[in-house]
Amino acid sequence: MDDYKRKLGSLAEKIKKETPQTPIQQVLPVKPMLASTTDLAEVRFNNWIPRDLKRKIKAYGVQHDITQKGITIRALQDFLKNNGQN
């Protein structure tokens, strides 16, 4: 027990005497991700739709080998085209 107290006391003295060394962090700017020439830059698009519509989209995608993302993009492009926006 005395040995423990002696070690603990010497540790406390050591902590008091030593100045803490703060690590220096190097900060570098983040390089922007560039879109390739074949792909357009993408952004997140998130919204809620009726469950039945989601099931129909999934079924259509499986039958026609197209992703839900692809279906959504085509639908939005057609909507804008039909409403004079492109």
N, C-alpha and C. Protein backbone atom coordinates (compact mmCIF):
# COMPACT_ATOMS: atom_id res chain seq x y z
N MET A 1 0.83 -1.19 0.00
CA MET A 1 0.00 0.00 0.00
C MET A 1 0.87 1.25 0.00
N ASP A 2 1.96 1.23 0.75
CA ASP A 2 2.86 2.39 0.81
C ASP A 2 3.51 2.63 -0.55
N ASP A 3 3.83 1.54 -1.22
CA ASP A 3 4.45 1.65 -2.54
C ASP A 3 3.48 2.33 -3.52
N TYR A 4 2.21 1.97 -3.43
CA TYR A 4 1.19 2.57 -4.28
C TYR A 4 1.08 4.08 -4.02
N LYS A 5 1.06 4.47 -2.77
CA LYS A 5 0.95 5.88 -2.40
C LYS A 5 2.18 6.65 -2.89
N ARG A 6 3.34 6.04 -2.77
CA ARG A 6 4.57 6.69 -3.21
C ARG A 6 4.55 6.90 -4.73
N LYS A 7 4.12 5.88 -5.49
CA LYS A 7 4.04 6.00 -6.95
C LYS A 7 3.00 7.03 -7.36
N LEU A 8 1.89 7.04 -6.65
CA LEU A 8 0.83 8.00 -6.96
C LEU A 8 1.30 9.42 -6.67
N GLY A 9 2.01 9.60 -5.57
CA GLY A 9 2.53 10.93 -5.21
C GLY A 9 3.55 11.41 -6.22
N SER A 10 4.44 10.52 -6.66
CA SER A 10 5.45 10.93 -7.64
C SER A 10 4.80 11.23 -8.99
N LEU A 11 3.72 10.56 -9.32
CA LEU A 11 3.01 10.84 -10.56
C LEU A 11 2.39 12.23 -10.52
N ALA A 12 1.80 12.56 -9.39
CA ALA A 12 1.19 13.89 -9.24
C ALA A 12 2.23 14.98 -9.38
N GLU A 13 3.39 14.79 -8.77
CA GLU A 13 4.48 15.78 -8.87
C GLU A 13 4.97 15.90 -10.31
N LYS A 14 5.07 14.78 -10.97
CA LYS A 14 5.54 14.78 -12.37
C LYS A 14 4.55 15.55 -13.25
N ILE A 15 3.26 15.34 -13.02
CA ILE A 15 2.24 16.04 -13.81
C ILE A 15 2.30 17.54 -13.56
N LYS A 16 2.54 17.93 -12.32
CA LYS A 16 2.62 19.36 -11.97
C LYS A 16 3.82 20.03 -12.62
N LYS A 17 4.94 19.32 -12.69
CA LYS A 17 6.18 19.91 -13.20
C LYS A 17 6.21 20.01 -14.72
N GLU A 18 5.67 19.01 -15.40
CA GLU A 18 5.74 18.99 -16.86
C GLU A 18 4.66 19.88 -17.47
N THR A 19 5.06 20.64 -18.48
CA THR A 19 4.07 21.44 -19.20
C THR A 19 3.41 20.55 -20.25
N PRO A 20 2.11 20.67 -20.37
CA PRO A 20 1.43 19.82 -21.36
C PRO A 20 1.86 20.19 -22.78
N GLN A 21 2.06 19.18 -23.57
CA GLN A 21 2.44 19.40 -24.96
C GLN A 21 1.19 19.29 -25.83
N THR A 22 0.79 20.42 -26.39
CA THR A 22 -0.38 20.45 -27.25
C THR A 22 0.03 20.03 -28.65
N PRO A 23 -0.62 19.02 -29.19
CA PRO A 23 -0.26 18.61 -30.56
C PRO A 23 -0.65 19.71 -31.55
N ILE A 24 0.18 19.88 -32.53
CA ILE A 24 -0.08 20.88 -33.56
C ILE A 24 -0.75 20.17 -34.73
N GLN A 25 -1.91 20.69 -35.09
CA GLN A 25 -2.67 20.08 -36.17
C GLN A 25 -2.47 20.89 -37.43
N GLN A 26 -2.20 20.21 -38.50
CA GLN A 26 -2.03 20.88 -39.79
C GLN A 26 -3.38 20.89 -40.50
N VAL A 27 -3.81 22.07 -40.93
CA VAL A 27 -5.08 22.22 -41.61
C VAL A 27 -4.81 22.48 -43.08
N LEU A 28 -5.39 21.64 -43.92
CA LEU A 28 -5.21 21.77 -45.36
C LEU A 28 -6.57 22.03 -46.00
N PRO A 29 -6.62 22.85 -47.04
CA PRO A 29 -7.90 23.08 -47.70
C PRO A 29 -8.38 21.82 -48.41
N VAL A 30 -9.67 21.66 -48.47
CA VAL A 30 -10.27 20.51 -49.13
C VAL A 30 -10.36 20.81 -50.62
N LYS A 31 -9.89 19.88 -51.42
CA LYS A 31 -9.95 20.06 -52.86
C LYS A 31 -11.37 19.72 -53.33
N PRO A 32 -11.97 20.59 -54.15
CA PRO A 32 -13.32 20.29 -54.62
C PRO A 32 -13.31 19.10 -55.57
N MET A 33 -14.36 18.30 -55.48
CA MET A 33 -14.48 17.15 -56.37
C MET A 33 -15.04 17.64 -57.70
N LEU A 34 -14.35 17.34 -58.76
CA LEU A 34 -14.77 17.75 -60.08
C LEU A 34 -15.54 16.62 -60.75
N ALA A 35 -16.60 16.99 -61.43
CA ALA A 35 -17.37 16.00 -62.18
C ALA A 35 -16.59 15.62 -63.42
N SER A 36 -16.66 14.37 -63.78
CA SER A 36 -15.98 13.94 -65.00
C SER A 36 -16.72 14.50 -66.20
N THR A 37 -16.12 14.41 -67.34
CA THR A 37 -16.73 14.97 -68.54
C THR A 37 -17.97 14.19 -68.96
N THR A 38 -18.06 12.93 -68.54
CA THR A 38 -19.21 12.13 -68.94
C THR A 38 -20.37 12.24 -67.95
N ASP A 39 -20.07 12.58 -66.69
CA ASP A 39 -21.11 12.68 -65.68
C ASP A 39 -21.33 14.13 -65.27
N LEU A 40 -22.57 14.46 -64.97
CA LEU A 40 -22.87 15.77 -64.43
C LEU A 40 -22.73 15.71 -62.92
N ALA A 41 -22.43 16.85 -62.32
CA ALA A 41 -22.36 16.88 -60.86
C ALA A 41 -23.74 16.57 -60.30
N GLU A 42 -23.79 15.81 -59.24
CA GLU A 42 -25.06 15.39 -58.67
C GLU A 42 -25.27 16.03 -57.30
N VAL A 43 -26.52 16.25 -56.96
CA VAL A 43 -26.90 16.76 -55.65
C VAL A 43 -27.97 15.85 -55.07
N ARG A 44 -28.16 15.93 -53.79
CA ARG A 44 -29.16 15.09 -53.12
C ARG A 44 -30.55 15.66 -53.34
N PHE A 45 -31.50 14.78 -53.63
CA PHE A 45 -32.90 15.14 -53.83
C PHE A 45 -33.71 14.16 -52.99
N ASN A 46 -34.44 14.67 -52.02
CA ASN A 46 -35.12 13.79 -51.09
C ASN A 46 -36.54 14.30 -50.85
N ASN A 47 -37.50 13.42 -50.97
CA ASN A 47 -38.89 13.79 -50.69
C ASN A 47 -39.70 12.54 -50.37
N TRP A 48 -40.90 12.76 -49.88
CA TRP A 48 -41.79 11.66 -49.52
C TRP A 48 -42.82 11.46 -50.62
N ILE A 49 -43.06 10.17 -50.96
CA ILE A 49 -44.07 9.84 -51.97
C ILE A 49 -44.99 8.77 -51.39
N PRO A 50 -46.18 8.60 -51.97
CA PRO A 50 -47.08 7.55 -51.49
C PRO A 50 -46.46 6.16 -51.64
N ARG A 51 -46.75 5.29 -50.69
CA ARG A 51 -46.18 3.94 -50.66
C ARG A 51 -46.53 3.16 -51.92
N ASP A 52 -47.78 3.26 -52.40
CA ASP A 52 -48.18 2.53 -53.60
C ASP A 52 -47.39 2.99 -54.82
N LEU A 53 -47.13 4.28 -54.92
CA LEU A 53 -46.34 4.80 -56.04
C LEU A 53 -44.92 4.25 -55.98
N LYS A 54 -44.36 4.18 -54.80
CA LYS A 54 -43.01 3.63 -54.63
C LYS A 54 -42.96 2.17 -55.08
N ARG A 55 -43.98 1.40 -54.74
CA ARG A 55 -44.02 -0.01 -55.15
C ARG A 55 -44.13 -0.13 -56.67
N LYS A 56 -44.93 0.73 -57.29
CA LYS A 56 -45.06 0.70 -58.75
C LYS A 56 -43.75 1.06 -59.43
N ILE A 57 -43.04 2.04 -58.86
CA ILE A 57 -41.74 2.45 -59.43
C ILE A 57 -40.74 1.30 -59.32
N LYS A 58 -40.72 0.64 -58.18
CA LYS A 58 -39.81 -0.50 -58.00
C LYS A 58 -40.13 -1.62 -58.99
N ALA A 59 -41.41 -1.94 -59.14
CA ALA A 59 -41.80 -3.01 -60.06
C ALA A 59 -41.44 -2.64 -61.50
N TYR A 60 -41.69 -1.39 -61.89
CA TYR A 60 -41.36 -0.94 -63.24
C TYR A 60 -39.85 -1.05 -63.47
N GLY A 61 -39.07 -0.65 -62.47
CA GLY A 61 -37.62 -0.72 -62.59
C GLY A 61 -37.12 -2.13 -62.79
N VAL A 62 -37.69 -3.07 -62.07
CA VAL A 62 -37.28 -4.47 -62.21
C VAL A 62 -37.66 -5.00 -63.59
N GLN A 63 -38.87 -4.68 -64.05
CA GLN A 63 -39.33 -5.18 -65.34
C GLN A 63 -38.53 -4.59 -66.50
N HIS A 64 -38.12 -3.33 -66.38
CA HIS A 64 -37.44 -2.65 -67.49
C HIS A 64 -35.95 -2.42 -67.25
N ASP A 65 -35.41 -3.04 -66.22
CA ASP A 65 -33.98 -2.95 -65.91
C ASP A 65 -33.51 -1.50 -65.83
N ILE A 66 -34.15 -0.72 -64.99
CA ILE A 66 -33.77 0.68 -64.77
C ILE A 66 -33.87 0.96 -63.27
N THR A 67 -32.98 1.77 -62.78
CA THR A 67 -32.97 2.08 -61.35
C THR A 67 -34.07 3.08 -61.01
N GLN A 68 -34.39 3.13 -59.72
CA GLN A 68 -35.38 4.11 -59.25
C GLN A 68 -34.86 5.52 -59.49
N LYS A 69 -33.58 5.70 -59.36
CA LYS A 69 -32.97 7.00 -59.63
C LYS A 69 -33.17 7.38 -61.09
N GLY A 70 -32.94 6.43 -61.98
CA GLY A 70 -33.13 6.69 -63.41
C GLY A 70 -34.57 7.03 -63.74
N ILE A 71 -35.51 6.32 -63.13
CA ILE A 71 -36.93 6.60 -63.35
C ILE A 71 -37.27 8.01 -62.87
N THR A 72 -36.77 8.38 -61.70
CA THR A 72 -37.04 9.71 -61.14
C THR A 72 -36.47 10.80 -62.04
N ILE A 73 -35.25 10.61 -62.50
CA ILE A 73 -34.62 11.61 -63.37
C ILE A 73 -35.42 11.78 -64.67
N ARG A 74 -35.79 10.66 -65.28
CA ARG A 74 -36.58 10.73 -66.53
C ARG A 74 -37.92 11.42 -66.28
N ALA A 75 -38.57 11.08 -65.19
CA ALA A 75 -39.88 11.68 -64.89
C ALA A 75 -39.77 13.18 -64.69
N LEU A 76 -38.75 13.62 -63.97
CA LEU A 76 -38.58 15.05 -63.74
C LEU A 76 -38.20 15.79 -65.03
N GLN A 77 -37.35 15.18 -65.84
CA GLN A 77 -37.00 15.80 -67.13
C GLN A 77 -38.22 15.92 -68.03
N ASP A 78 -39.03 14.87 -68.10
CA ASP A 78 -40.25 14.92 -68.92
C ASP A 78 -41.22 15.96 -68.38
N PHE A 79 -41.34 16.05 -67.08
CA PHE A 79 -42.23 17.05 -66.48
C PHE A 79 -41.81 18.46 -66.88
N LEU A 80 -40.51 18.76 -66.77
CA LEU A 80 -40.04 20.08 -67.12
C LEU A 80 -40.20 20.36 -68.62
N LYS A 81 -39.93 19.35 -69.43
CA LYS A 81 -40.07 19.53 -70.87
C LYS A 81 -41.53 19.80 -71.25
N ASN A 82 -42.44 19.08 -70.64
CA ASN A 82 -43.87 19.25 -70.93
C ASN A 82 -44.44 20.56 -70.39
N ASN A 83 -43.73 21.17 -69.46
CA ASN A 83 -44.20 22.41 -68.87
C ASN A 83 -43.34 23.60 -69.31
N GLY A 84 -42.66 23.46 -70.43
CA GLY A 84 -41.92 24.57 -71.04
C GLY A 84 -40.69 25.01 -70.28
N GLN A 85 -40.06 24.11 -69.58
CA GLN A 85 -38.88 24.48 -68.80
C GLN A 85 -37.61 23.81 -69.31
N ASN A 86 -37.46 23.58 -70.58
CA ASN A 86 -36.22 23.00 -71.07
C ASN A 86 -36.45 22.26 -72.35
